[in-house]
PDB file of N, CA and C in Angstrom:
ATOM      1  N   MET A   1     111.036 130.699 101.552  1.00  0.00           N
ATOM      2  CA  MET A   1     111.546 131.807 100.752  1.00  0.00           C
ATOM      3  C   MET A   1     111.755 133.027 101.646  1.00  0.00           C
ATOM      4  N   ILE A   2     112.766 133.761 101.348  1.00  0.00           N
ATOM      5  CA  ILE A   2     113.101 134.963 102.096  1.00  0.00           C
ATOM      6  C   ILE A   2     112.165 136.090 101.686  1.00  0.00           C
ATOM      7  N   ALA A   3     111.898 137.001 102.610  1.00  0.00           N
ATOM      8  CA  ALA A   3     110.989 138.118 102.319  1.00  0.00           C
ATOM      9  C   ALA A   3     111.466 138.909 101.106  1.00  0.00           C
ATOM     10  N   PRO A   4     110.528 139.351 100.265  1.00  0.00           N
ATOM     11  CA  PRO A   4     110.892 140.145  99.092  1.00  0.00           C
ATOM     12  C   PRO A   4     111.616 141.423  99.487  1.00  0.00           C
ATOM     13  N   SER A   5     112.587 141.782  98.690  1.00  0.00           N
ATOM     14  CA  SER A   5     113.366 142.970  98.999  1.00  0.00           C
ATOM     15  C   SER A   5     112.886 144.171  98.205  1.00  0.00           C
ATOM     16  N   SER A   6     113.100 145.332  98.784  1.00  0.00           N
ATOM     17  CA  SER A   6     112.896 146.548  98.009  1.00  0.00           C
ATOM     18  C   SER A   6     114.200 146.823  97.267  1.00  0.00           C
ATOM     19  N   VAL A   7     114.172 147.778  96.399  1.00  0.00           N
ATOM     20  CA  VAL A   7     115.305 148.022  95.510  1.00  0.00           C
ATOM     21  C   VAL A   7     115.772 149.461  95.642  1.00  0.00           C
ATOM     22  N   LEU A   8     117.068 149.631  95.712  1.00  0.00           N
ATOM     23  CA  LEU A   8     117.693 150.944  95.729  1.00  0.00           C
ATOM     24  C   LEU A   8     118.111 151.275  94.298  1.00  0.00           C
ATOM     25  N   ILE A   9     117.684 152.442  93.804  1.00  0.00           N
ATOM     26  CA  ILE A   9     118.090 152.897  92.471  1.00  0.00           C
ATOM     27  C   ILE A   9     118.867 154.198  92.625  1.00  0.00           C
ATOM     28  N   PRO A  10     120.212 154.101  92.680  1.00  0.00           N
ATOM     29  CA  PRO A  10     121.016 155.321  92.698  1.00  0.00           C
ATOM     30  C   PRO A  10     121.024 155.918  91.292  1.00  0.00           C
ATOM     31  N   HIS A  11     120.954 157.255  91.203  1.00  0.00           N
ATOM     32  CA  HIS A  11     120.860 157.850  89.867  1.00  0.00           C
ATOM     33  C   HIS A  11     121.472 159.245  89.809  1.00  0.00           C
ATOM     34  N   THR A  12     121.715 159.656  88.590  1.00  0.00           N
ATOM     35  CA  THR A  12     122.095 161.029  88.264  1.00  0.00           C
ATOM     36  C   THR A  12     121.001 161.534  87.326  1.00  0.00           C
ATOM     37  N   SER A  13     121.317 162.511  86.535  1.00  0.00           N
ATOM     38  CA  SER A  13     120.320 163.024  85.595  1.00  0.00           C
ATOM     39  C   SER A  13     120.058 162.043  84.448  1.00  0.00           C
ATOM     40  N   ALA A  14     120.802 160.950  84.374  1.00  0.00           N
ATOM     41  CA  ALA A  14     120.651 159.976  83.293  1.00  0.00           C
ATOM     42  C   ALA A  14     119.706 158.830  83.658  1.00  0.00           C
ATOM     43  N   LEU A  15     118.874 159.008  84.679  1.00  0.00           N
ATOM     44  CA  LEU A  15     117.925 157.974  85.093  1.00  0.00           C
ATOM     45  C   LEU A  15     116.988 157.620  83.944  1.00  0.00           C
ATOM     46  N   ARG A  16     116.892 156.337  83.642  1.00  0.00           N
ATOM     47  CA  ARG A  16     116.002 155.868  82.581  1.00  0.00           C
ATOM     48  C   ARG A  16     114.656 155.484  83.172  1.00  0.00           C
ATOM     49  N   TRP A  17     113.586 155.907  82.548  1.00  0.00           N
ATOM     50  CA  TRP A  17     112.258 155.533  83.022  1.00  0.00           C
ATOM     51  C   TRP A  17     112.070 154.026  82.907  1.00  0.00           C
ATOM     52  N   GLU A  18     112.760 153.404  81.933  1.00  0.00           N
ATOM     53  CA  GLU A  18     112.650 151.966  81.742  1.00  0.00           C
ATOM     54  C   GLU A  18     113.205 151.193  82.939  1.00  0.00           C
ATOM     55  N   THR A  19     114.186 151.775  83.622  1.00  0.00           N
ATOM     56  CA  THR A  19     114.735 151.138  84.816  1.00  0.00           C
ATOM     57  C   THR A  19     113.661 151.039  85.890  1.00  0.00           C
ATOM     58  N   MET A  20     113.005 152.159  86.167  1.00  0.00           N
ATOM     59  CA  MET A  20     111.946 152.168  87.177  1.00  0.00           C
ATOM     60  C   MET A  20     110.798 151.249  86.766  1.00  0.00           C
ATOM     61  N   ALA A  21     110.421 151.297  85.498  1.00  0.00           N
ATOM     62  CA  ALA A  21     109.314 150.461  85.009  1.00  0.00           C
ATOM     63  C   ALA A  21     109.642 148.974  85.150  1.00  0.00           C
ATOM     64  N   SER A  22     110.904 148.600  84.903  1.00  0.00           N
ATOM     65  CA  SER A  22     111.259 147.182  85.000  1.00  0.00           C
ATOM     66  C   SER A  22     111.203 146.697  86.446  1.00  0.00           C
ATOM     67  N   VAL A  23     111.585 147.537  87.387  1.00  0.00           N
ATOM     68  CA  VAL A  23     111.502 147.160  88.806  1.00  0.00           C
ATOM     69  C   VAL A  23     110.040 147.098  89.241  1.00  0.00           C
ATOM     70  N   GLU A  24     109.248 148.070  88.822  1.00  0.00           N
ATOM     71  CA  GLU A  24     107.818 148.055  89.148  1.00  0.00           C
ATOM     72  C   GLU A  24     107.126 146.833  88.557  1.00  0.00           C
ATOM     73  N   SER A  25     107.482 146.474  87.328  1.00  0.00           N
ATOM     74  CA  SER A  25     106.830 145.330  86.690  1.00  0.00           C
ATOM     75  C   SER A  25     107.182 144.024  87.401  1.00  0.00           C
ATOM     76  N   ALA A  26     108.276 144.036  88.153  1.00  0.00           N
ATOM     77  CA  ALA A  26     108.645 142.872  88.962  1.00  0.00           C
ATOM     78  C   ALA A  26     107.885 142.876  90.286  1.00  0.00           C
ATOM     79  N   GLY A  27     107.036 143.894  90.487  1.00  0.00           N
ATOM     80  CA  GLY A  27     106.222 143.971  91.689  1.00  0.00           C
ATOM     81  C   GLY A  27     106.979 144.444  92.912  1.00  0.00           C
ATOM     82  N   ARG A  28     108.020 145.224  92.704  1.00  0.00           N
ATOM     83  CA  ARG A  28     108.856 145.668  93.814  1.00  0.00           C
ATOM     84  C   ARG A  28     108.797 147.166  93.997  1.00  0.00           C
ATOM     85  N   SER A  29     108.900 147.563  95.248  1.00  0.00           N
ATOM     86  CA  SER A  29     109.029 148.981  95.545  1.00  0.00           C
ATOM     87  C   SER A  29     110.496 149.351  95.334  1.00  0.00           C
ATOM     88  N   PHE A  30     110.737 150.624  95.158  1.00  0.00           N
ATOM     89  CA  PHE A  30     112.118 151.066  95.002  1.00  0.00           C
ATOM     90  C   PHE A  30     112.287 152.432  95.621  1.00  0.00           C
ATOM     91  N   GLU A  31     113.529 152.728  95.935  1.00  0.00           N
ATOM     92  CA  GLU A  31     113.897 154.027  96.476  1.00  0.00           C
ATOM     93  C   GLU A  31     114.878 154.676  95.506  1.00  0.00           C
ATOM     94  N   LEU A  32     114.522 155.849  95.024  1.00  0.00           N
ATOM     95  CA  LEU A  32     115.423 156.613  94.165  1.00  0.00           C
ATOM     96  C   LEU A  32     116.316 157.480  95.044  1.00  0.00           C
ATOM     97  N   VAL A  33     117.610 157.443  94.789  1.00  0.00           N
ATOM     98  CA  VAL A  33     118.535 158.290  95.529  1.00  0.00           C
ATOM     99  C   VAL A  33     119.443 158.992  94.524  1.00  0.00           C
ATOM    100  N   ASP A  34     119.373 160.308  94.517  1.00  0.00           N
ATOM    101  CA  ASP A  34     120.189 161.120  93.613  1.00  0.00           C
ATOM    102  C   ASP A  34     121.625 161.160  94.132  1.00  0.00           C
ATOM    103  N   VAL A  35     122.555 160.671  93.332  1.00  0.00           N
ATOM    104  CA  VAL A  35     123.962 160.641  93.728  1.00  0.00           C
ATOM    105  C   VAL A  35     124.803 161.598  92.876  1.00  0.00           C
ATOM    106  N   SER A  36     124.152 162.559  92.253  1.00  0.00           N
ATOM    107  CA  SER A  36     124.855 163.450  91.324  1.00  0.00           C
ATOM    108  C   SER A  36     125.549 164.628  91.996  1.00  0.00           C
ATOM    109  N   SER A  37     125.404 164.775  93.301  1.00  0.00           N
ATOM    110  CA  SER A  37     125.934 165.968  93.962  1.00  0.00           C
ATOM    111  C   SER A  37     127.434 165.929  94.230  1.00  0.00           C
ATOM    112  N   GLY A  38     128.075 164.809  93.981  1.00  0.00           N
ATOM    113  CA  GLY A  38     129.519 164.755  94.195  1.00  0.00           C
ATOM    114  C   GLY A  38     130.095 163.434  93.734  1.00  0.00           C
ATOM    115  N   ASP A  39     131.384 163.420  93.482  1.00  0.00           N
ATOM    116  CA  ASP A  39     132.060 162.230  92.974  1.00  0.00           C
ATOM    117  C   ASP A  39     131.993 161.046  93.936  1.00  0.00           C
ATOM    118  N   GLU A  40     131.871 161.312  95.231  1.00  0.00           N
ATOM    119  CA  GLU A  40     131.867 160.237  96.217  1.00  0.00           C
ATOM    120  C   GLU A  40     130.471 159.895  96.745  1.00  0.00           C
ATOM    121  N   HIS A  41     129.441 160.534  96.214  1.00  0.00           N
ATOM    122  CA  HIS A  41     128.104 160.346  96.765  1.00  0.00           C
ATOM    123  C   HIS A  41     127.607 158.900  96.618  1.00  0.00           C
ATOM    124  N   TYR A  42     127.837 158.282  95.485  1.00  0.00           N
ATOM    125  CA  TYR A  42     127.407 156.898  95.271  1.00  0.00           C
ATOM    126  C   TYR A  42     128.132 155.972  96.243  1.00  0.00           C
ATOM    127  N   TRP A  43     129.444 156.139  96.349  1.00  0.00           N
ATOM    128  CA  TRP A  43     130.226 155.325  97.282  1.00  0.00           C
ATOM    129  C   TRP A  43     129.725 155.509  98.712  1.00  0.00           C
ATOM    130  N   ARG A  44     129.473 156.743  99.109  1.00  0.00           N
ATOM    131  CA  ARG A  44     128.976 157.001 100.472  1.00  0.00           C
ATOM    132  C   ARG A  44     127.607 156.335 100.696  1.00  0.00           C
ATOM    133  N   LEU A  45     126.754 156.401  99.699  1.00  0.00           N
ATOM    134  CA  LEU A  45     125.447 155.768  99.801  1.00  0.00           C
ATOM    135  C   LEU A  45     125.601 154.276 100.050  1.00  0.00           C
ATOM    136  N   LEU A  46     126.418 153.602  99.247  1.00  0.00           N
ATOM    137  CA  LEU A  46     126.628 152.169  99.419  1.00  0.00           C
ATOM    138  C   LEU A  46     127.288 151.864 100.761  1.00  0.00           C
ATOM    139  N   ARG A  47     128.263 152.655 101.150  1.00  0.00           N
ATOM    140  CA  ARG A  47     128.925 152.465 102.441  1.00  0.00           C
ATOM    141  C   ARG A  47     127.920 152.562 103.588  1.00  0.00           C
ATOM    142  N   ASP A  48     127.073 153.582 103.550  1.00  0.00           N
ATOM    143  CA  ASP A  48     126.098 153.792 104.616  1.00  0.00           C
ATOM    144  C   ASP A  48     125.046 152.681 104.651  1.00  0.00           C
ATOM    145  N   ARG A  49     124.581 152.251 103.475  1.00  0.00           N
ATOM    146  CA  ARG A  49     123.592 151.170 103.428  1.00  0.00           C
ATOM    147  C   ARG A  49     124.222 149.859 103.880  1.00  0.00           C
ATOM    148  N   TRP A  50     125.460 149.640 103.510  1.00  0.00           N
ATOM    149  CA  TRP A  50     126.183 148.434 103.922  1.00  0.00           C
ATOM    150  C   TRP A  50     126.259 148.372 105.451  1.00  0.00           C
ATOM    151  N   ALA A  51     126.505 149.510 106.057  1.00  0.00           N
ATOM    152  CA  ALA A  51     126.658 149.580 107.516  1.00  0.00           C
ATOM    153  C   ALA A  51     125.369 149.235 108.264  1.00  0.00           C
ATOM    154  N   THR A  52     124.215 149.321 107.608  1.00  0.00           N
ATOM    155  CA  THR A  52     122.956 148.981 108.281  1.00  0.00           C
ATOM    156  C   THR A  52     122.828 147.481 108.505  1.00  0.00           C
ATOM    157  N   GLY A  53     123.542 146.691 107.708  1.00  0.00           N
ATOM    158  CA  GLY A  53     123.461 145.244 107.848  1.00  0.00           C
ATOM    159  C   GLY A  53     122.167 144.634 107.345  1.00  0.00           C
ATOM    160  N   VAL A  54     121.409 145.375 106.560  1.00  0.00           N
ATOM    161  CA  VAL A  54     120.146 144.897 105.994  1.00  0.00           C
ATOM    162  C   VAL A  54     120.386 144.518 104.531  1.00  0.00           C
ATOM    163  N   ASP A  55     119.822 143.370 104.112  1.00  0.00           N
ATOM    164  CA  ASP A  55     119.982 142.954 102.715  1.00  0.00           C
ATOM    165  C   ASP A  55     119.781 144.150 101.785  1.00  0.00           C
ATOM    166  N   LEU A  56     120.596 144.217 100.756  1.00  0.00           N
ATOM    167  CA  LEU A  56     120.602 145.369  99.863  1.00  0.00           C
ATOM    168  C   LEU A  56     120.548 144.915  98.414  1.00  0.00           C
ATOM    169  N   THR A  57     119.536 145.402  97.688  1.00  0.00           N
ATOM    170  CA  THR A  57     119.431 145.170  96.253  1.00  0.00           C
ATOM    171  C   THR A  57     119.611 146.509  95.552  1.00  0.00           C
ATOM    172  N   VAL A  58     120.536 146.538  94.595  1.00  0.00           N
ATOM    173  CA  VAL A  58     120.836 147.761  93.856  1.00  0.00           C
ATOM    174  C   VAL A  58     120.596 147.522  92.378  1.00  0.00           C
ATOM    175  N   VAL A  59     119.864 148.447  91.764  1.00  0.00           N
ATOM    176  CA  VAL A  59     119.713 148.465  90.310  1.00  0.00           C
ATOM    177  C   VAL A  59     120.098 149.868  89.874  1.00  0.00           C
ATOM    178  N   GLU A  60     121.175 149.982  89.125  1.00  0.00           N
ATOM    179  CA  GLU A  60     121.644 151.304  88.710  1.00  0.00           C
ATOM    180  C   GLU A  60     120.709 151.914  87.668  1.00  0.00           C
ATOM    181  N   GLN A  61     120.823 153.201  87.524  1.00  0.00           N
ATOM    182  CA  GLN A  61     119.918 154.055  86.753  1.00  0.00           C
ATOM    183  C   GLN A  61     119.714 153.669  85.296  1.00  0.00           C
ATOM    184  N   ASP A  62     120.633 152.931  84.724  1.00  0.00           N
ATOM    185  CA  ASP A  62     120.558 152.619  83.298  1.00  0.00           C
ATOM    186  C   ASP A  62     120.362 151.133  83.023  1.00  0.00           C
ATOM    187  N   VAL A  63     120.017 150.370  84.060  1.00  0.00           N
ATOM    188  CA  VAL A  63     119.848 148.929  83.915  1.00  0.00           C
ATOM    189  C   VAL A  63     118.357 148.589  83.883  1.00  0.00           C
ATOM    190  N   VAL A  64     117.948 147.880  82.865  1.00  0.00           N
ATOM    191  CA  VAL A  64     116.574 147.402  82.756  1.00  0.00           C
ATOM    192  C   VAL A  64     116.618 145.913  83.093  1.00  0.00           C
ATOM    193  N   VAL A  65     116.001 145.556  84.216  1.00  0.00           N
ATOM    194  CA  VAL A  65     116.095 144.171  84.686  1.00  0.00           C
ATOM    195  C   VAL A  65     115.002 143.300  84.081  1.00  0.00           C
ATOM    196  N   PRO A  66     115.344 142.069  83.722  1.00  0.00           N
ATOM    197  CA  PRO A  66     114.308 141.130  83.303  1.00  0.00           C
ATOM    198  C   PRO A  66     113.331 140.898  84.463  1.00  0.00           C
ATOM    199  N   ALA A  67     112.106 140.563  84.140  1.00  0.00           N
ATOM    200  CA  ALA A  67     111.025 140.497  85.133  1.00  0.00           C
ATOM    201  C   ALA A  67     111.319 139.586  86.319  1.00  0.00           C
ATOM    202  N   ASP A  68     112.046 138.491  86.129  1.00  0.00           N
ATOM    203  CA  ASP A  68     112.261 137.547  87.225  1.00  0.00           C
ATOM    204  C   ASP A  68     113.554 137.770  88.000  1.00  0.00           C
ATOM    205  N   THR A  69     114.323 138.768  87.649  1.00  0.00           N
ATOM    206  CA  THR A  69     115.641 138.964  88.253  1.00  0.00           C
ATOM    207  C   THR A  69     115.580 139.142  89.768  1.00  0.00           C
ATOM    208  N   ILE A  70     114.737 140.017  90.241  1.00  0.00           N
ATOM    209  CA  ILE A  70     114.717 140.306  91.678  1.00  0.00           C
ATOM    210  C   ILE A  70     114.128 139.129  92.452  1.00  0.00           C
ATOM    211  N   ASP A  71     113.149 138.440  91.877  1.00  0.00           N
ATOM    212  CA  ASP A  71     112.656 137.210  92.508  1.00  0.00           C
ATOM    213  C   ASP A  71     113.782 136.179  92.610  1.00  0.00           C
ATOM    214  N   ARG A  72     114.592 136.099  91.581  1.00  0.00           N
ATOM    215  CA  ARG A  72     115.722 135.165  91.603  1.00  0.00           C
ATOM    216  C   ARG A  72     116.748 135.577  92.647  1.00  0.00           C
ATOM    217  N   PHE A  73     116.932 136.883  92.838  1.00  0.00           N
ATOM    218  CA  PHE A  73     117.817 137.349  93.920  1.00  0.00           C
ATOM    219  C   PHE A  73     117.297 136.858  95.265  1.00  0.00           C
ATOM    220  N   ASP A  74     116.001 136.978  95.483  1.00  0.00           N
ATOM    221  CA  ASP A  74     115.415 136.558  96.760  1.00  0.00           C
ATOM    222  C   ASP A  74     115.579 135.058  96.984  1.00  0.00           C
ATOM    223  N   ALA A  75     115.497 134.289  95.917  1.00  0.00           N
ATOM    224  CA  ALA A  75     115.636 132.838  96.030  1.00  0.00           C
ATOM    225  C   ALA A  75     117.101 132.392  96.079  1.00  0.00           C
ATOM    226  N   CYS A  76     118.004 133.242  95.649  1.00  0.00           N
ATOM    227  CA  CYS A  76     119.431 132.921  95.606  1.00  0.00           C
ATOM    228  C   CYS A  76     119.975 132.781  97.030  1.00  0.00           C
ATOM    229  N   GLU A  77     120.630 131.667  97.292  1.00  0.00           N
ATOM    230  CA  GLU A  77     121.166 131.418  98.626  1.00  0.00           C
ATOM    231  C   GLU A  77     122.541 132.038  98.845  1.00  0.00           C
ATOM    232  N   SER A  78     123.170 132.505  97.800  1.00  0.00           N
ATOM    233  CA  SER A  78     124.487 133.130  97.936  1.00  0.00           C
ATOM    234  C   SER A  78     124.372 134.469  98.641  1.00  0.00           C
ATOM    235  N   GLU A  79     125.456 134.876  99.263  1.00  0.00           N
ATOM    236  CA  GLU A  79     125.448 136.160  99.964  1.00  0.00           C
ATOM    237  C   GLU A  79     125.592 137.335  99.006  1.00  0.00           C
ATOM    238  N   TRP A  80     126.059 137.058  97.780  1.00  0.00           N
ATOM    239  CA  TRP A  80     126.242 138.107  96.787  1.00  0.00           C
ATOM    240  C   TRP A  80     125.765 137.541  95.454  1.00  0.00           C
ATOM    241  N   CYS A  81     124.667 138.056  94.963  1.00  0.00           N
ATOM    242  CA  CYS A  81     124.130 137.623  93.671  1.00  0.00           C
ATOM    243  C   CYS A  81     124.131 138.820  92.722  1.00  0.00           C
ATOM    244  N   PHE A  82     124.331 138.544  91.458  1.00  0.00           N
ATOM    245  CA  PHE A  82     124.290 139.627  90.480  1.00  0.00           C
ATOM    246  C   PHE A  82     123.644 139.144  89.200  1.00  0.00           C
ATOM    247  N   HIS A  83     123.182 140.089  88.446  1.00  0.00           N
ATOM    248  CA  HIS A  83     122.666 139.815  87.110  1.00  0.00           C
ATOM    249  C   HIS A  83     123.425 140.752  86.193  1.00  0.00           C
ATOM    250  N   SER A  84     124.101 140.187  85.216  1.00  0.00           N
ATOM    251  CA  SER A  84     124.822 141.041  84.292  1.00  0.00           C
ATOM    252  C   SER A  84     123.816 141.733  83.373  1.00  0.00           C
ATOM    253  N   TYR A  85     124.293 142.636  82.570  1.00  0.00           N
ATOM    254  CA  TYR A  85     123.412 143.401  81.708  1.00  0.00           C
ATOM    255  C   TYR A  85     124.175 143.817  80.476  1.00  0.00           C
ATOM    256  N   ARG A  86     123.431 144.158  79.470  1.00  0.00           N
ATOM    257  CA  ARG A  86     123.991 144.485  78.167  1.00  0.00           C
ATOM    258  C   ARG A  86     124.462 145.928  78.116  1.00  0.00           C
ATOM    259  N   LEU A  87     125.638 146.116  77.591  1.00  0.00           N
ATOM    260  CA  LEU A  87     126.167 147.438  77.253  1.00  0.00           C
ATOM    261  C   LEU A  87     126.163 147.520  75.727  1.00  0.00           C
ATOM    262  N   TRP A  88     126.401 148.693  75.202  1.00  0.00           N
ATOM    263  CA  TRP A  88     126.436 148.822  73.741  1.00  0.00           C
ATOM    264  C   TRP A  88     127.474 147.893  73.134  1.00  0.00           C
ATOM    265  N   TRP A  89     128.565 147.644  73.846  1.00  0.00           N
ATOM    266  CA  TRP A  89     129.675 146.884  73.294  1.00  0.00           C
ATOM    267  C   TRP A  89     129.767 145.471  73.869  1.00  0.00           C
ATOM    268  N   GLY A  90     128.727 145.002  74.559  1.00  0.00           N
ATOM    269  CA  GLY A  90     128.707 143.620  75.033  1.00  0.00           C
ATOM    270  C   GLY A  90     128.154 143.475  76.439  1.00  0.00           C
ATOM    271  N   ASP A  91     128.276 142.286  76.978  1.00  0.00           N
ATOM    272  CA  ASP A  91     127.827 141.979  78.323  1.00  0.00           C
ATOM    273  C   ASP A  91     128.762 142.631  79.347  1.00  0.00           C
ATOM    274  N   ALA A  92     128.198 143.275  80.366  1.00  0.00           N
ATOM    275  CA  ALA A  92     128.996 144.039  81.339  1.00  0.00           C
ATOM    276  C   ALA A  92     130.050 143.187  82.029  1.00  0.00           C
ATOM    277  N   ALA A  93     129.702 141.973  82.445  1.00  0.00           N
ATOM    278  CA  ALA A  93     130.669 141.118  83.134  1.00  0.00           C
ATOM    279  C   ALA A  93     131.811 140.727  82.204  1.00  0.00           C
ATOM    280  N   ASP A  94     131.495 140.479  80.941  1.00  0.00           N
ATOM    281  CA  ASP A  94     132.540 140.130  79.978  1.00  0.00           C
ATOM    282  C   ASP A  94     133.421 141.326  79.656  1.00  0.00           C
ATOM    283  N   VAL A  95     132.808 142.486  79.464  1.00  0.00           N
ATOM    284  CA  VAL A  95     133.551 143.691  79.089  1.00  0.00           C
ATOM    285  C   VAL A  95     134.521 144.106  80.195  1.00  0.00           C
ATOM    286  N   TYR A  96     134.022 144.132  81.445  1.00  0.00           N
ATOM    287  CA  TYR A  96     134.848 144.602  82.551  1.00  0.00           C
ATOM    288  C   TYR A  96     135.664 143.498  83.209  1.00  0.00           C
ATOM    289  N   GLY A  97     135.295 142.244  82.982  1.00  0.00           N
ATOM    290  CA  GLY A  97     136.025 141.133  83.572  1.00  0.00           C
ATOM    291  C   GLY A  97     135.806 140.994  85.072  1.00  0.00           C
ATOM    292  N   ILE A  98     134.786 141.653  85.585  1.00  0.00           N
ATOM    293  CA  ILE A  98     134.453 141.598  87.005  1.00  0.00           C
ATOM    294  C   ILE A  98     132.936 141.513  87.146  1.00  0.00           C
ATOM    295  N   ILE A  99     132.480 141.250  88.359  1.00  0.00           N
ATOM    296  CA  ILE A  99     131.048 141.289  88.630  1.00  0.00           C
ATOM    297  C   ILE A  99     130.655 142.754  88.774  1.00  0.00           C
ATOM    298  N   PRO A 100     129.787 143.241  87.912  1.00  0.00           N
ATOM    299  CA  PRO A 100     129.414 144.655  87.969  1.00  0.00           C
ATOM    300  C   PRO A 100     128.452 144.942  89.117  1.00  0.00           C
ATOM    301  N   LEU A 101     128.417 146.194  89.555  1.00  0.00           N
ATOM    302  CA  LEU A 101     127.499 146.618  90.606  1.00  0.00           C
ATOM    303  C   LEU A 101     126.138 147.022  90.069  1.00  0.00           C
ATOM    304  N   GLY A 102     125.951 147.050  88.779  1.00  0.00           N
ATOM    305  CA  GLY A 102     124.733 147.584  88.181  1.00  0.00           C
ATOM    306  C   GLY A 102     123.441 146.920  88.590  1.00  0.00           C
ATOM    307  N   CYS A 103     123.496 145.638  88.930  1.00  0.00           N
ATOM    308  CA  CYS A 103     122.294 144.901  89.315  1.00  0.00           C
ATOM    309  C   CYS A 103     122.736 143.782  90.262  1.00  0.00           C
ATOM    310  N   VAL A 104     122.714 144.081  91.570  1.00  0.00           N
ATOM    311  CA  VAL A 104     123.245 143.159  92.572  1.00  0.00           C
ATOM    312  C   VAL A 104     122.351 143.074  93.800  1.00  0.00           C
ATOM    313  N   ARG A 105     122.556 141.993  94.549  1.00  0.00           N
ATOM    314  CA  ARG A 105     121.923 141.865  95.863  1.00  0.00           C
ATOM    315  C   ARG A 105     122.958 141.322  96.824  1.00  0.00           C
ATOM    316  N   PHE A 106     123.129 142.027  97.943  1.00  0.00           N
ATOM    317  CA  PHE A 106     124.036 141.616  99.004  1.00  0.00           C
ATOM    318  C   PHE A 106     123.211 141.198 100.212  1.00  0.00           C
ATOM    319  N   ARG A 107     123.582 140.105 100.849  1.00  0.00           N
ATOM    320  CA  ARG A 107     122.899 139.633 102.049  1.00  0.00           C
ATOM    321  C   ARG A 107     123.624 140.124 103.308  1.00  0.00           C
ATOM    322  N   ALA A 108     122.844 140.220 104.384  1.00  0.00           N
ATOM    323  CA  ALA A 108     123.345 140.695 105.674  1.00  0.00           C
ATOM    324  C   ALA A 108     124.568 139.922 106.180  1.00  0.00           C
ATOM    325  N   PRO A 109     124.629 138.589 106.050  1.00  0.00           N
ATOM    326  CA  PRO A 109     125.819 137.886 106.550  1.00  0.00           C
ATOM    327  C   PRO A 109     127.132 138.326 105.866  1.00  0.00           C
ATOM    328  N   LEU A 110     127.049 138.666 104.593  1.00  0.00           N
ATOM    329  CA  LEU A 110     128.231 139.175 103.887  1.00  0.00           C
ATOM    330  C   LEU A 110     128.650 140.504 104.472  1.00  0.00           C
ATOM    331  N   MET A 111     127.685 141.367 104.743  1.00  0.00           N
ATOM    332  CA  MET A 111     127.960 142.671 105.325  1.00  0.00           C
ATOM    333  C   MET A 111     128.587 142.536 106.713  1.00  0.00           C
ATOM    334  N   ALA A 112     128.062 141.588 107.495  1.00  0.00           N
ATOM    335  CA  ALA A 112     128.599 141.372 108.836  1.00  0.00           C
ATOM    336  C   ALA A 112     130.027 140.827 108.791  1.00  0.00           C
ATOM    337  N   ALA A 113     130.294 139.964 107.824  1.00  0.00           N
ATOM    338  CA  ALA A 113     131.629 139.376 107.696  1.00  0.00           C
ATOM    339  C   ALA A 113     132.659 140.349 107.161  1.00  0.00           C
ATOM    340  N   HIS A 114     132.196 141.368 106.430  1.00  0.00           N
ATOM    341  CA  HIS A 114     133.107 142.343 105.798  1.00  0.00           C
ATOM    342  C   HIS A 114     132.568 143.763 106.036  1.00  0.00           C
ATOM    343  N   PRO A 115     132.528 144.211 107.274  1.00  0.00           N
ATOM    344  CA  PRO A 115     131.884 145.485 107.588  1.00  0.00           C
ATOM    345  C   PRO A 115     132.556 146.702 106.947  1.00  0.00           C
ATOM    346  N   ASP A 116     133.808 146.599 106.588  1.00  0.00           N
ATOM    347  CA  ASP A 116     134.534 147.745 106.030  1.00  0.00           C
ATOM    348  C   ASP A 116     134.755 147.618 104.520  1.00  0.00           C
ATOM    349  N   LEU A 117     133.987 146.772 103.870  1.00  0.00           N
ATOM    350  CA  LEU A 117     134.181 146.553 102.430  1.00  0.00           C
ATOM    351  C   LEU A 117     134.089 147.858 101.644  1.00  0.00           C
ATOM    352  N   PHE A 118     133.099 148.675 101.977  1.00  0.00           N
ATOM    353  CA  PHE A 118     132.963 149.946 101.270  1.00  0.00           C
ATOM    354  C   PHE A 118     133.677 151.049 102.003  1.00  0.00           C
TER     355      PHE A 118
END
């Protein structure tokens, strides 16, 4: 099994305490990063973290993850794993028709293969 990952929680003033509690209950440390200072701050954060080439797990400020989600990310052999989440009007992946960024894990080989993705 791959080493457990820490979790990045980008947030604005809408950070839910339930988000932090769900990550903690999974036994994971997390880093809160305030991205409210500008329209491009979240993008810059992801771009900069991507450039480090270190596996990256992101849980956005309003996502409450099921207890086994991050463990499943660690066990997932894919370079890009995600867990969809519920919105008021349905499942995020179904609503947007894409893989959402709200709860994802990217592996270093993906970052190396696509260094300019962000």
